[in-house]
Amino acid sequence: MDNDIFNELKRLNEKVDALTALVTELTGAKKQKADAKKAQAKAKAIPLTKEDIERLQGQFAQLYGRWLENQEAAVREELEAMSPDDLRRLADANNLNVTAKTAKERVIQLIGFRFREKKQLTHAVSRLA
């Protein structure tokens, strides 16, 4: 009888050890994923070079020109097709206040606001002249 109890306790102890190992493995895998994601985010956050800024400002001007030609829907579709990081870089190069955590839809809104603001400013100046 004592031997049966001892064997049963031994089996339970082995099961507890196996469960503990699984939990440790799962938490380790989650931590590795989180660390990899953080490292990837840091790697993508490369500062804009002068050439990048000029290229992105040119792209912004091209999009604004199309927007002025009443192609707002096409411009919005093009912006929505861009990755969030590319959109943030475009906005950052054009002095829009964005961070790495700014949502994609918010960046698109900010670009639209800048287009309208720029149109109002240029049309106000042309009316004064």
N, C-alpha and C. Protein backbone atom coordinates (compact mmCIF):
# COMPACT_ATOMS: atom_id res chain seq x y z
N MET A 1 0.83 -1.19 0.00
CA MET A 1 0.00 0.00 0.00
C MET A 1 0.88 1.26 0.00
N ASP A 2 1.88 1.31 0.86
CA ASP A 2 2.77 2.46 0.89
C ASP A 2 3.52 2.59 -0.44
N ASN A 3 3.85 1.46 -1.01
CA ASN A 3 4.56 1.45 -2.29
C ASN A 3 3.67 2.03 -3.40
N ASP A 4 2.36 1.74 -3.37
CA ASP A 4 1.41 2.27 -4.36
C ASP A 4 1.30 3.79 -4.23
N ILE A 5 1.23 4.25 -3.01
CA ILE A 5 1.13 5.70 -2.76
C ILE A 5 2.41 6.39 -3.23
N PHE A 6 3.53 5.78 -2.91
CA PHE A 6 4.81 6.34 -3.33
C PHE A 6 4.90 6.42 -4.86
N ASN A 7 4.50 5.36 -5.56
CA ASN A 7 4.53 5.35 -7.03
C ASN A 7 3.59 6.39 -7.62
N GLU A 8 2.42 6.51 -7.01
CA GLU A 8 1.46 7.52 -7.49
C GLU A 8 2.01 8.93 -7.30
N LEU A 9 2.62 9.20 -6.16
CA LEU A 9 3.23 10.51 -5.91
C LEU A 9 4.37 10.78 -6.90
N LYS A 10 5.12 9.75 -7.19
CA LYS A 10 6.23 9.87 -8.14
C LYS A 10 5.71 10.23 -9.53
N ARG A 11 4.64 9.58 -9.98
CA ARG A 11 4.03 9.88 -11.28
C ARG A 11 3.47 11.31 -11.31
N LEU A 12 2.82 11.72 -10.23
CA LEU A 12 2.28 13.08 -10.15
C LEU A 12 3.42 14.11 -10.20
N ASN A 13 4.50 13.82 -9.50
CA ASN A 13 5.65 14.71 -9.50
C ASN A 13 6.24 14.84 -10.90
N GLU A 14 6.32 13.73 -11.64
CA GLU A 14 6.82 13.76 -13.01
C GLU A 14 5.90 14.59 -13.92
N LYS A 15 4.61 14.46 -13.71
CA LYS A 15 3.65 15.25 -14.51
C LYS A 15 3.78 16.74 -14.20
N VAL A 16 3.95 17.07 -12.93
CA VAL A 16 4.14 18.47 -12.54
C VAL A 16 5.41 19.02 -13.16
N ASP A 17 6.48 18.23 -13.14
CA ASP A 17 7.74 18.65 -13.76
C ASP A 17 7.57 18.88 -15.27
N ALA A 18 6.85 17.98 -15.92
CA ALA A 18 6.62 18.12 -17.36
C ALA A 18 5.80 19.37 -17.66
N LEU A 19 4.77 19.63 -16.87
CA LEU A 19 3.95 20.83 -17.06
C LEU A 19 4.77 22.10 -16.81
N THR A 20 5.59 22.07 -15.79
CA THR A 20 6.45 23.22 -15.50
C THR A 20 7.39 23.49 -16.66
N ALA A 21 7.96 22.45 -17.23
CA ALA A 21 8.86 22.62 -18.38
C ALA A 21 8.11 23.20 -19.58
N LEU A 22 6.88 22.74 -19.82
CA LEU A 22 6.09 23.27 -20.93
C LEU A 22 5.76 24.75 -20.73
N VAL A 23 5.36 25.10 -19.52
CA VAL A 23 5.04 26.50 -19.24
C VAL A 23 6.27 27.38 -19.42
N THR A 24 7.40 26.92 -18.95
CA THR A 24 8.65 27.67 -19.10
C THR A 24 9.00 27.83 -20.57
N GLU A 25 8.82 26.77 -21.33
CA GLU A 25 9.11 26.82 -22.77
C GLU A 25 8.18 27.80 -23.48
N LEU A 26 6.89 27.78 -23.15
CA LEU A 26 5.93 28.69 -23.78
C LEU A 26 6.21 30.15 -23.44
N THR A 27 6.50 30.42 -22.18
CA THR A 27 6.79 31.81 -21.80
C THR A 27 8.08 32.28 -22.45
N GLY A 28 9.05 31.37 -22.56
CA GLY A 28 10.30 31.72 -23.24
C GLY A 28 10.08 32.04 -24.70
N ALA A 29 9.21 31.27 -25.37
CA ALA A 29 8.90 31.51 -26.78
C ALA A 29 8.19 32.84 -26.96
N LYS A 30 7.27 33.15 -26.06
CA LYS A 30 6.57 34.44 -26.14
C LYS A 30 7.54 35.59 -25.94
N LYS A 31 8.45 35.45 -25.00
CA LYS A 31 9.43 36.50 -24.75
C LYS A 31 10.34 36.68 -25.96
N GLN A 32 10.74 35.57 -26.58
CA GLN A 32 11.58 35.66 -27.77
C GLN A 32 10.86 36.38 -28.90
N LYS A 33 9.57 36.08 -29.08
CA LYS A 33 8.79 36.76 -30.12
C LYS A 33 8.71 38.25 -29.84
N ALA A 34 8.45 38.59 -28.59
CA ALA A 34 8.35 40.01 -28.22
C ALA A 34 9.68 40.71 -28.42
N ASP A 35 10.78 40.07 -28.03
CA ASP A 35 12.10 40.66 -28.22
C ASP A 35 12.43 40.83 -29.69
N ALA A 36 12.06 39.84 -30.50
CA ALA A 36 12.32 39.92 -31.94
C ALA A 36 11.51 41.07 -32.56
N LYS A 37 10.29 41.23 -32.10
CA LYS A 37 9.43 42.31 -32.62
C LYS A 37 10.01 43.68 -32.26
N LYS A 38 10.51 43.81 -31.03
CA LYS A 38 11.13 45.07 -30.60
C LYS A 38 12.38 45.36 -31.42
N ALA A 39 13.18 44.34 -31.63
CA ALA A 39 14.42 44.51 -32.42
C ALA A 39 14.09 44.90 -33.85
N GLN A 40 13.04 44.31 -34.41
CA GLN A 40 12.63 44.64 -35.78
C GLN A 40 12.14 46.08 -35.85
N ALA A 41 11.39 46.51 -34.86
CA ALA A 41 10.89 47.89 -34.84
C ALA A 41 12.05 48.87 -34.74
N LYS A 42 13.05 48.55 -33.93
CA LYS A 42 14.21 49.43 -33.80
C LYS A 42 15.02 49.45 -35.09
N ALA A 43 15.11 48.32 -35.75
CA ALA A 43 15.88 48.25 -36.99
C ALA A 43 15.20 49.07 -38.09
N LYS A 44 13.89 49.11 -38.10
CA LYS A 44 13.16 49.87 -39.11
C LYS A 44 13.21 51.37 -38.86
N ALA A 45 13.50 51.79 -37.65
CA ALA A 45 13.47 53.19 -37.29
C ALA A 45 14.77 53.90 -37.69
N ILE A 46 15.23 53.64 -38.90
CA ILE A 46 16.45 54.28 -39.40
C ILE A 46 16.12 55.73 -39.73
N PRO A 47 16.92 56.68 -39.28
CA PRO A 47 16.64 58.08 -39.57
C PRO A 47 16.68 58.35 -41.08
N LEU A 48 15.90 59.33 -41.47
CA LEU A 48 15.83 59.71 -42.89
C LEU A 48 17.12 60.40 -43.31
N THR A 49 17.63 60.01 -44.45
CA THR A 49 18.79 60.70 -45.00
C THR A 49 18.31 61.89 -45.82
N LYS A 50 19.23 62.73 -46.22
CA LYS A 50 18.87 63.90 -47.03
C LYS A 50 18.22 63.46 -48.34
N GLU A 51 18.77 62.40 -48.94
CA GLU A 51 18.20 61.88 -50.19
C GLU A 51 16.79 61.34 -49.97
N ASP A 52 16.58 60.64 -48.84
CA ASP A 52 15.25 60.13 -48.51
C ASP A 52 14.25 61.27 -48.38
N ILE A 53 14.66 62.31 -47.68
CA ILE A 53 13.77 63.46 -47.46
C ILE A 53 13.40 64.09 -48.79
N GLU A 54 14.39 64.30 -49.66
CA GLU A 54 14.11 64.91 -50.97
C GLU A 54 13.19 64.03 -51.80
N ARG A 55 13.44 62.72 -51.80
CA ARG A 55 12.60 61.79 -52.57
C ARG A 55 11.18 61.79 -52.03
N LEU A 56 11.03 61.74 -50.71
CA LEU A 56 9.70 61.70 -50.10
C LEU A 56 8.96 63.03 -50.26
N GLN A 57 9.69 64.14 -50.23
CA GLN A 57 9.04 65.43 -50.48
C GLN A 57 8.57 65.51 -51.93
N GLY A 58 9.35 64.94 -52.85
CA GLY A 58 8.93 64.89 -54.25
C GLY A 58 7.68 64.04 -54.43
N GLN A 59 7.65 62.91 -53.73
CA GLN A 59 6.47 62.03 -53.79
C GLN A 59 5.25 62.75 -53.21
N PHE A 60 5.46 63.48 -52.13
CA PHE A 60 4.37 64.23 -51.50
C PHE A 60 3.85 65.30 -52.47
N ALA A 61 4.76 66.01 -53.14
CA ALA A 61 4.37 67.05 -54.09
C ALA A 61 3.60 66.43 -55.26
N GLN A 62 4.05 65.25 -55.72
CA GLN A 62 3.36 64.57 -56.81
C GLN A 62 1.95 64.15 -56.38
N LEU A 63 1.82 63.63 -55.18
CA LEU A 63 0.50 63.25 -54.67
C LEU A 63 -0.39 64.48 -54.50
N TYR A 64 0.19 65.57 -54.01
CA TYR A 64 -0.58 66.81 -53.84
C TYR A 64 -1.06 67.32 -55.20
N GLY A 65 -0.20 67.26 -56.21
CA GLY A 65 -0.60 67.70 -57.56
C GLY A 65 -1.76 66.89 -58.09
N ARG A 66 -1.71 65.59 -57.90
CA ARG A 66 -2.83 64.74 -58.33
C ARG A 66 -4.07 65.04 -57.52
N TRP A 67 -3.89 65.32 -56.22
CA TRP A 67 -5.03 65.65 -55.36
C TRP A 67 -5.70 66.93 -55.84
N LEU A 68 -4.89 67.91 -56.27
CA LEU A 68 -5.43 69.17 -56.79
C LEU A 68 -6.20 68.96 -58.09
N GLU A 69 -5.84 67.92 -58.83
CA GLU A 69 -6.51 67.61 -60.10
C GLU A 69 -7.76 66.77 -59.89
N ASN A 70 -8.33 66.85 -58.71
CA ASN A 70 -9.55 66.13 -58.34
C ASN A 70 -9.42 64.62 -58.40
N GLN A 71 -8.25 64.11 -58.07
CA GLN A 71 -8.03 62.67 -57.99
C GLN A 71 -7.87 62.25 -56.53
N GLU A 72 -8.70 62.86 -55.67
CA GLU A 72 -8.58 62.60 -54.24
C GLU A 72 -8.72 61.12 -53.91
N ALA A 73 -9.69 60.44 -54.54
CA ALA A 73 -9.91 59.02 -54.24
C ALA A 73 -8.70 58.18 -54.64
N ALA A 74 -8.12 58.47 -55.80
CA ALA A 74 -6.95 57.71 -56.25
C ALA A 74 -5.76 57.95 -55.33
N VAL A 75 -5.59 59.19 -54.90
CA VAL A 75 -4.48 59.51 -53.99
C VAL A 75 -4.69 58.79 -52.66
N ARG A 76 -5.91 58.80 -52.15
CA ARG A 76 -6.19 58.11 -50.88
C ARG A 76 -5.94 56.61 -51.02
N GLU A 77 -6.36 56.02 -52.14
CA GLU A 77 -6.10 54.60 -52.36
C GLU A 77 -4.61 54.30 -52.37
N GLU A 78 -3.84 55.17 -53.01
CA GLU A 78 -2.39 54.98 -53.05
C GLU A 78 -1.79 55.08 -51.65
N LEU A 79 -2.28 56.03 -50.86
CA LEU A 79 -1.79 56.16 -49.48
C LEU A 79 -2.16 54.94 -48.65
N GLU A 80 -3.37 54.43 -48.84
CA GLU A 80 -3.82 53.26 -48.08
C GLU A 80 -3.05 52.01 -48.48
N ALA A 81 -2.56 51.97 -49.73
CA ALA A 81 -1.79 50.81 -50.19
C ALA A 81 -0.38 50.79 -49.61
N MET A 82 0.09 51.93 -49.13
CA MET A 82 1.44 52.01 -48.56
C MET A 82 1.47 51.34 -47.19
N SER A 83 2.64 50.85 -46.81
CA SER A 83 2.79 50.26 -45.48
C SER A 83 2.77 51.39 -44.44
N PRO A 84 2.39 51.08 -43.20
CA PRO A 84 2.36 52.11 -42.17
C PRO A 84 3.71 52.80 -41.98
N ASP A 85 4.80 52.03 -42.05
CA ASP A 85 6.13 52.62 -41.88
C ASP A 85 6.46 53.59 -43.02
N ASP A 86 6.12 53.20 -44.25
CA ASP A 86 6.38 54.09 -45.39
C ASP A 86 5.55 55.37 -45.29
N LEU A 87 4.31 55.22 -44.83
CA LEU A 87 3.45 56.40 -44.65
C LEU A 87 4.02 57.34 -43.60
N ARG A 88 4.48 56.76 -42.50
CA ARG A 88 5.07 57.58 -41.43
C ARG A 88 6.32 58.31 -41.91
N ARG A 89 7.13 57.61 -42.71
CA ARG A 89 8.34 58.24 -43.24
C ARG A 89 7.97 59.38 -44.20
N LEU A 90 6.94 59.17 -45.03
CA LEU A 90 6.47 60.22 -45.93
C LEU A 90 6.00 61.43 -45.14
N ALA A 91 5.23 61.18 -44.10
CA ALA A 91 4.71 62.27 -43.27
C ALA A 91 5.85 62.97 -42.52
N ASP A 92 6.77 62.20 -42.00
CA ASP A 92 7.90 62.77 -41.25
C ASP A 92 8.77 63.65 -42.16
N ALA A 93 9.01 63.20 -43.36
CA ALA A 93 9.84 63.97 -44.30
C ALA A 93 9.17 65.28 -44.68
N ASN A 94 7.85 65.35 -44.53
CA ASN A 94 7.11 66.56 -44.89
C ASN A 94 6.62 67.31 -43.65
N ASN A 95 7.35 67.15 -42.55
CA ASN A 95 7.15 67.91 -41.32
C ASN A 95 5.77 67.74 -40.69
N LEU A 96 5.21 66.56 -40.82
CA LEU A 96 3.97 66.25 -40.11
C LEU A 96 4.35 65.58 -38.80
N ASN A 97 3.63 65.88 -37.76
CA ASN A 97 3.96 65.40 -36.43
C ASN A 97 3.46 63.96 -36.25
N VAL A 98 4.33 63.00 -36.57
CA VAL A 98 3.99 61.58 -36.41
C VAL A 98 5.07 60.90 -35.58
N THR A 99 4.67 59.82 -34.93
CA THR A 99 5.61 59.00 -34.17
C THR A 99 5.53 57.58 -34.72
N ALA A 100 6.36 56.71 -34.19
CA ALA A 100 6.37 55.32 -34.62
C ALA A 100 5.07 54.60 -34.25
N LYS A 101 4.32 55.18 -33.33
CA LYS A 101 3.08 54.55 -32.89
C LYS A 101 1.83 55.18 -33.51
N THR A 102 2.01 56.20 -34.34
CA THR A 102 0.86 56.84 -34.97
C THR A 102 0.18 55.84 -35.90
N ALA A 103 -1.13 55.71 -35.75
CA ALA A 103 -1.89 54.75 -36.55
C ALA A 103 -1.89 55.18 -38.03
N LYS A 104 -1.97 54.19 -38.89
CA LYS A 104 -1.95 54.43 -40.34
C LYS A 104 -3.07 55.38 -40.76
N GLU A 105 -4.27 55.15 -40.26
CA GLU A 105 -5.41 56.00 -40.63
C GLU A 105 -5.18 57.44 -40.17
N ARG A 106 -4.57 57.62 -39.03
CA ARG A 106 -4.27 58.97 -38.53
C ARG A 106 -3.25 59.66 -39.43
N VAL A 107 -2.25 58.93 -39.91
CA VAL A 107 -1.25 59.52 -40.80
C VAL A 107 -1.92 59.97 -42.10
N ILE A 108 -2.82 59.14 -42.62
CA ILE A 108 -3.55 59.50 -43.85
C ILE A 108 -4.38 60.76 -43.61
N GLN A 109 -5.01 60.86 -42.45
CA GLN A 109 -5.78 62.07 -42.11
C GLN A 109 -4.87 63.29 -42.07
N LEU A 110 -3.71 63.16 -41.45
CA LEU A 110 -2.78 64.29 -41.35
C LEU A 110 -2.32 64.75 -42.74
N ILE A 111 -2.07 63.81 -43.62
CA ILE A 111 -1.67 64.17 -44.98
C ILE A 111 -2.81 64.90 -45.68
N GLY A 112 -4.04 64.41 -45.52
CA GLY A 112 -5.20 65.09 -46.10
C GLY A 112 -5.37 66.50 -45.54
N PHE A 113 -5.17 66.65 -44.24
CA PHE A 113 -5.25 67.98 -43.63
C PHE A 113 -4.20 68.91 -44.22
N ARG A 114 -2.98 68.37 -44.41
CA ARG A 114 -1.91 69.19 -44.97
C ARG A 114 -2.22 69.59 -46.41
N PHE A 115 -2.82 68.70 -47.19
CA PHE A 115 -3.21 69.03 -48.56
C PHE A 115 -4.22 70.18 -48.56
N ARG A 116 -5.23 70.08 -47.71
CA ARG A 116 -6.26 71.14 -47.65
C ARG A 116 -5.66 72.46 -47.16
N GLU A 117 -4.80 72.37 -46.16
CA GLU A 117 -4.15 73.56 -45.62
C GLU A 117 -3.30 74.25 -46.70
N LYS A 118 -2.53 73.46 -47.43
CA LYS A 118 -1.67 73.98 -48.48
C LYS A 118 -2.51 74.63 -49.59
N LYS A 119 -3.63 74.01 -49.93
CA LYS A 119 -4.51 74.56 -50.96
C LYS A 119 -5.08 75.91 -50.50
N GLN A 120 -5.53 75.97 -49.25
CA GLN A 120 -6.07 77.23 -48.74
C GLN A 120 -5.02 78.32 -48.74
N LEU A 121 -3.81 77.97 -48.33
CA LEU A 121 -2.74 78.98 -48.29
C LEU A 121 -2.36 79.47 -49.69
N THR A 122 -2.24 78.57 -50.64
CA THR A 122 -1.85 79.00 -51.98
C THR A 122 -2.96 79.76 -52.68
N HIS A 123 -4.20 79.37 -52.44
CA HIS A 123 -5.31 80.10 -53.07
C HIS A 123 -5.53 81.47 -52.41
N ALA A 124 -5.28 81.56 -51.11
CA ALA A 124 -5.40 82.85 -50.43
C ALA A 124 -4.35 83.82 -50.94
N VAL A 125 -3.14 83.35 -51.17
CA VAL A 125 -2.07 84.20 -51.69
C VAL A 125 -2.38 84.64 -53.11
N SER A 126 -2.91 83.74 -53.93
CA SER A 126 -3.21 84.08 -55.31
C SER A 126 -4.36 85.10 -55.39
N ARG A 127 -5.28 85.07 -54.45
CA ARG A 127 -6.38 86.04 -54.44
C ARG A 127 -5.87 87.42 -54.02
N LEU A 128 -4.86 87.44 -53.15
CA LEU A 128 -4.31 88.72 -52.70
C LEU A 128 -3.49 89.40 -53.79
N ALA A 129 -2.92 88.62 -54.66
CA ALA A 129 -2.04 89.19 -55.70
C ALA A 129 -2.78 89.82 -56.84
